[in-house]
């Protein structure tokens, strides 16, 4: 997945991954993550997700990273935000209230950028990446997070041969292989969602589960 791929998806409005409400599985499982209000939530590959608005409304601080300037422009416009804008080594920062979005490459972050992040919400980052980038993402981004950091990770599982990603199928065995050295991995829920995903059915997918994980950094 080269940057041009995602720029084109946003340009063509091919953003089926975007939801018009906060993620239901986030609302269900967030209390079990145990984060107090005021904690900073890292949201990688954020798009224009309404989850960022929900976090801010609950008193959390949000640090999001998004490659597409169009996604950020739409987020700002749709919420009537007038952000403070500044530049750094990581990219262009848009800051409004409890939400800070960096328009830049998630792989350009360093430990200083993430040192005060207590938790990660990853609904659309890991599954957006092909296998070779998933390993790099965990090794180069998750490794920057401080000890004790937690993550609510949501993945999809389906027969990969039946559909070309993204989103990609990322099975439990791969999740454990990617994270188990540095993170405690716990499955919170596995749910069959094929009947609610007509686009997957139209592509010929015969089985589709979503899986929710709680990760804790050792």
Protein backbone atom coordinates (compact mmCIF):
# COMPACT_ATOMS: atom_id res chain seq x y z
CA UNK A 1 0.00 0.00 0.00
CA UNK A 2 1.83 3.05 -1.26
CA UNK A 3 0.70 6.53 -0.11
CA UNK A 4 -0.72 7.23 -3.57
CA UNK A 5 -3.18 4.34 -3.09
CA UNK A 6 -4.76 6.00 -0.05
CA UNK A 7 -4.66 9.48 -1.56
CA UNK A 8 -6.58 8.12 -4.54
CA UNK A 9 -9.13 6.33 -2.35
CA UNK A 10 -9.94 9.59 -0.59
CA UNK A 11 -9.95 11.54 -3.86
CA UNK A 12 -12.42 9.05 -5.37
CA UNK A 13 -14.47 8.91 -2.13
CA UNK A 14 -13.86 5.16 -1.91
CA UNK A 15 -13.99 5.18 1.86
CA UNK A 16 -16.25 2.30 2.74
CA UNK A 17 -14.19 1.90 5.91
CA UNK A 18 -15.58 5.19 7.24
CA UNK A 19 -18.50 4.85 9.68
CA UNK A 20 -21.22 7.43 10.24
CA UNK A 21 -21.21 6.84 14.00
CA UNK A 22 -18.70 5.80 16.67
CA UNK A 23 -17.63 2.16 16.45
CA UNK A 24 -20.17 0.05 18.41
CA UNK A 25 -17.47 -2.39 19.54
CA UNK A 26 -15.50 0.56 20.90
CA UNK A 27 -18.46 1.70 23.00
CA UNK A 28 -18.99 -1.85 24.27
CA UNK A 29 -15.42 -2.71 25.20
CA UNK A 30 -13.83 0.60 26.11
CA UNK A 31 -14.85 0.41 29.80
CA UNK A 32 -12.82 -2.82 30.07
CA UNK A 33 -9.67 -1.02 28.94
CA UNK A 34 -9.70 0.91 32.21
CA UNK A 35 -8.45 4.30 31.05
CA UNK A 36 -9.28 7.36 33.20
CA UNK A 37 -10.52 10.56 31.60
CA UNK A 38 -7.61 12.74 30.58
CA UNK A 39 -5.57 9.86 29.21
CA UNK A 40 -4.12 10.33 25.73
CA UNK A 41 -5.44 7.97 23.04
CA UNK A 42 -3.33 7.25 19.97
CA UNK A 43 -5.44 6.68 16.83
CA UNK A 44 -3.30 5.54 13.87
CA UNK A 45 -4.55 5.87 10.28
CA UNK A 46 -7.50 7.81 11.66
CA UNK A 47 -9.21 9.05 8.51
CA UNK A 48 -12.07 11.28 9.61
CA UNK A 49 -13.30 8.81 12.20
CA UNK A 50 -16.09 9.86 14.54
CA UNK A 51 -14.35 7.80 17.20
CA UNK A 52 -12.04 10.79 17.68
CA UNK A 53 -15.03 12.99 18.48
CA UNK A 54 -16.37 10.39 20.91
CA UNK A 55 -13.06 10.14 22.76
CA UNK A 56 -12.91 13.92 23.12
CA UNK A 57 -16.50 14.03 24.37
CA UNK A 58 -15.57 11.53 27.09
CA UNK A 59 -12.70 13.70 28.33
CA UNK A 60 -9.84 11.91 26.60
CA UNK A 61 -7.05 13.58 24.67
CA UNK A 62 -6.58 12.29 21.12
CA UNK A 63 -3.38 12.05 19.11
CA UNK A 64 -4.29 10.86 15.63
CA UNK A 65 -2.17 10.33 12.54
CA UNK A 66 -3.59 10.40 9.02
CA UNK A 67 -1.79 10.39 5.68
CA UNK A 68 -4.52 12.06 3.62
CA UNK A 69 -4.88 15.84 3.84
CA UNK A 70 -8.33 15.47 2.26
CA UNK A 71 -9.51 13.24 5.13
CA UNK A 72 -8.40 15.86 7.64
CA UNK A 73 -9.95 18.69 5.62
CA UNK A 74 -13.27 16.83 5.61
CA UNK A 75 -13.07 16.13 9.35
CA UNK A 76 -12.47 19.81 10.07
CA UNK A 77 -15.26 20.95 7.75
CA UNK A 78 -17.85 18.43 8.92
CA UNK A 79 -17.35 19.36 12.57
CA UNK A 80 -17.01 23.11 12.13
CA UNK A 81 -13.54 23.09 13.66
CA UNK A 82 -11.13 26.01 13.47
CA UNK A 83 -7.85 24.32 14.41
CA UNK A 84 -4.50 25.67 15.42
CA UNK A 85 -2.02 24.59 12.74
CA UNK A 86 1.68 24.05 13.23
CA UNK A 87 4.50 22.13 11.59
CA UNK A 88 6.92 19.65 13.16
CA UNK A 89 9.29 16.90 12.07
CA UNK A 90 6.27 14.56 12.01
CA UNK A 91 4.12 16.62 9.63
CA UNK A 92 1.37 19.21 9.91
CA UNK A 93 -0.50 19.28 13.23
CA UNK A 94 -4.16 20.31 13.43
CA UNK A 95 -5.15 20.97 17.03
CA UNK A 96 -8.61 21.78 18.35
CA UNK A 97 -9.69 21.16 21.93
CA UNK A 98 -8.75 17.62 22.94
CA UNK A 99 -8.05 16.45 19.39
CA UNK A 100 -4.68 16.68 17.64
CA UNK A 101 -4.32 15.19 14.17
CA UNK A 102 -0.95 14.91 12.49
CA UNK A 103 -1.11 14.87 8.71
CA UNK A 104 1.87 12.65 8.01
CA UNK A 105 3.29 9.14 7.84
CA UNK A 106 2.75 6.97 10.91
CA UNK A 107 6.16 5.42 10.26
CA UNK A 108 7.79 8.83 10.76
CA UNK A 109 6.84 8.92 14.44
CA UNK A 110 9.39 8.38 17.19
CA UNK A 111 9.23 7.58 20.90
CA UNK A 112 9.01 11.26 21.82
CA UNK A 113 5.81 11.61 19.78
CA UNK A 114 4.09 8.78 21.63
CA UNK A 115 5.68 8.92 25.09
CA UNK A 116 2.54 10.16 26.85
CA UNK A 117 0.06 7.94 25.01
CA UNK A 118 -1.59 5.59 27.49
CA UNK A 119 -3.75 3.66 25.04
CA UNK A 120 -4.15 2.87 21.34
CA UNK A 121 -7.42 2.47 19.47
CA UNK A 122 -6.74 0.50 16.29
CA UNK A 123 -9.85 -0.27 14.26
CA UNK A 124 -8.63 0.42 10.75
CA UNK A 125 -4.82 0.52 10.80
CA UNK A 126 -3.54 -3.05 11.16
CA UNK A 127 -6.17 -4.46 8.78
CA UNK A 128 -5.40 -1.74 6.23
CA UNK A 129 -1.84 -2.99 5.80
CA UNK A 130 -0.56 -5.92 3.72
CA UNK A 131 1.45 -8.61 5.55
CA UNK A 132 4.90 -7.11 5.05
CA UNK A 133 3.77 -3.72 6.39
CA UNK A 134 1.89 -5.25 9.34
CA UNK A 135 5.14 -6.60 10.77
CA UNK A 136 6.88 -3.26 10.16
CA UNK A 137 3.95 -1.39 11.73
CA UNK A 138 4.14 -3.41 14.95
CA UNK A 139 7.95 -3.40 15.10
CA UNK A 140 8.37 0.31 14.32
CA UNK A 141 5.24 1.97 15.72
CA UNK A 142 3.86 -0.15 18.57
CA UNK A 143 7.40 -0.58 19.85
CA UNK A 144 7.53 3.17 20.55
CA UNK A 145 4.70 3.03 23.07
CA UNK A 146 5.53 3.13 26.78
CA UNK A 147 5.36 0.16 29.18
CA UNK A 148 1.87 -0.33 30.56
CA UNK A 149 0.24 1.14 27.45
CA UNK A 150 -2.98 -0.59 26.44
CA UNK A 151 -4.61 -1.13 23.08
CA UNK A 152 -8.09 -1.95 21.89
CA UNK A 153 -7.49 -3.69 18.58
CA UNK A 154 -10.27 -4.70 16.18
CA UNK A 155 -9.55 -7.03 13.27
CA UNK A 156 -11.39 -8.91 10.53
CA UNK A 157 -11.06 -12.59 9.68
CA UNK A 158 -12.24 -14.01 6.35
CA UNK A 159 -10.83 -16.36 3.68
CA UNK A 160 -8.24 -14.00 2.17
CA UNK A 161 -8.39 -15.76 -1.18
CA UNK A 162 -12.03 -14.72 -1.57
CA UNK A 163 -11.36 -10.98 -1.50
CA UNK A 164 -8.54 -8.61 -2.28
CA UNK A 165 -7.77 -6.30 0.63
CA UNK A 166 -7.74 -3.80 2.10
CA UNK A 167 -9.22 -4.40 4.56
CA UNK A 168 -7.17 -7.54 4.98
CA UNK A 169 -7.91 -10.64 7.00
CA UNK A 170 -5.65 -10.81 10.07
CA UNK A 171 -6.14 -14.02 12.02
CA UNK A 172 -5.62 -14.58 15.73
CA UNK A 173 -2.46 -16.61 15.15
CA UNK A 174 -0.91 -13.70 13.26
CA UNK A 175 -1.99 -11.19 15.91
CA UNK A 176 -0.32 -13.28 18.59
CA UNK A 177 2.80 -13.70 16.47
CA UNK A 178 3.01 -9.95 15.86
CA UNK A 179 2.42 -8.80 19.42
CA UNK A 180 3.08 -11.59 21.91
CA UNK A 181 6.77 -10.81 22.57
CA UNK A 182 6.07 -7.33 23.96
CA UNK A 183 2.32 -7.34 24.61
CA UNK A 184 -0.12 -9.45 26.58
CA UNK A 185 -2.83 -10.44 24.09
CA UNK A 186 -6.41 -11.23 25.13
CA UNK A 187 -9.43 -11.89 22.90
CA UNK A 188 -12.46 -10.00 24.21
CA UNK A 189 -15.00 -10.94 21.55
CA UNK A 190 -15.35 -12.78 18.27
CA UNK A 191 -18.48 -12.04 16.24
CA UNK A 192 -19.86 -13.28 12.90
CA UNK A 193 -20.75 -10.12 10.94
CA UNK A 194 -21.11 -11.43 7.38
CA UNK A 195 -24.88 -10.83 7.26
CA UNK A 196 -24.31 -7.15 8.08
CA UNK A 197 -21.67 -6.63 5.36
CA UNK A 198 -23.34 -6.75 1.91
CA UNK A 199 -20.19 -5.55 0.15
CA UNK A 200 -18.30 -8.62 1.37
CA UNK A 201 -21.17 -10.87 0.33
CA UNK A 202 -21.20 -9.25 -3.11
CA UNK A 203 -17.48 -10.01 -3.42
CA UNK A 204 -18.17 -13.69 -2.75
CA UNK A 205 -16.85 -13.83 0.81
CA UNK A 206 -18.33 -16.86 2.57
CA UNK A 207 -17.33 -16.13 6.19
CA UNK A 208 -16.50 -12.93 8.05
CA UNK A 209 -15.74 -12.44 11.73
CA UNK A 210 -14.67 -9.36 13.63
CA UNK A 211 -12.39 -9.93 16.60
CA UNK A 212 -11.71 -7.54 19.49
CA UNK A 213 -8.44 -7.74 21.42
CA UNK A 214 -7.14 -6.09 24.55
CA UNK A 215 -3.37 -5.65 24.45
CA UNK A 216 -1.21 -4.58 27.39
CA UNK A 217 2.42 -3.51 26.88
CA UNK A 218 4.85 -5.43 29.05
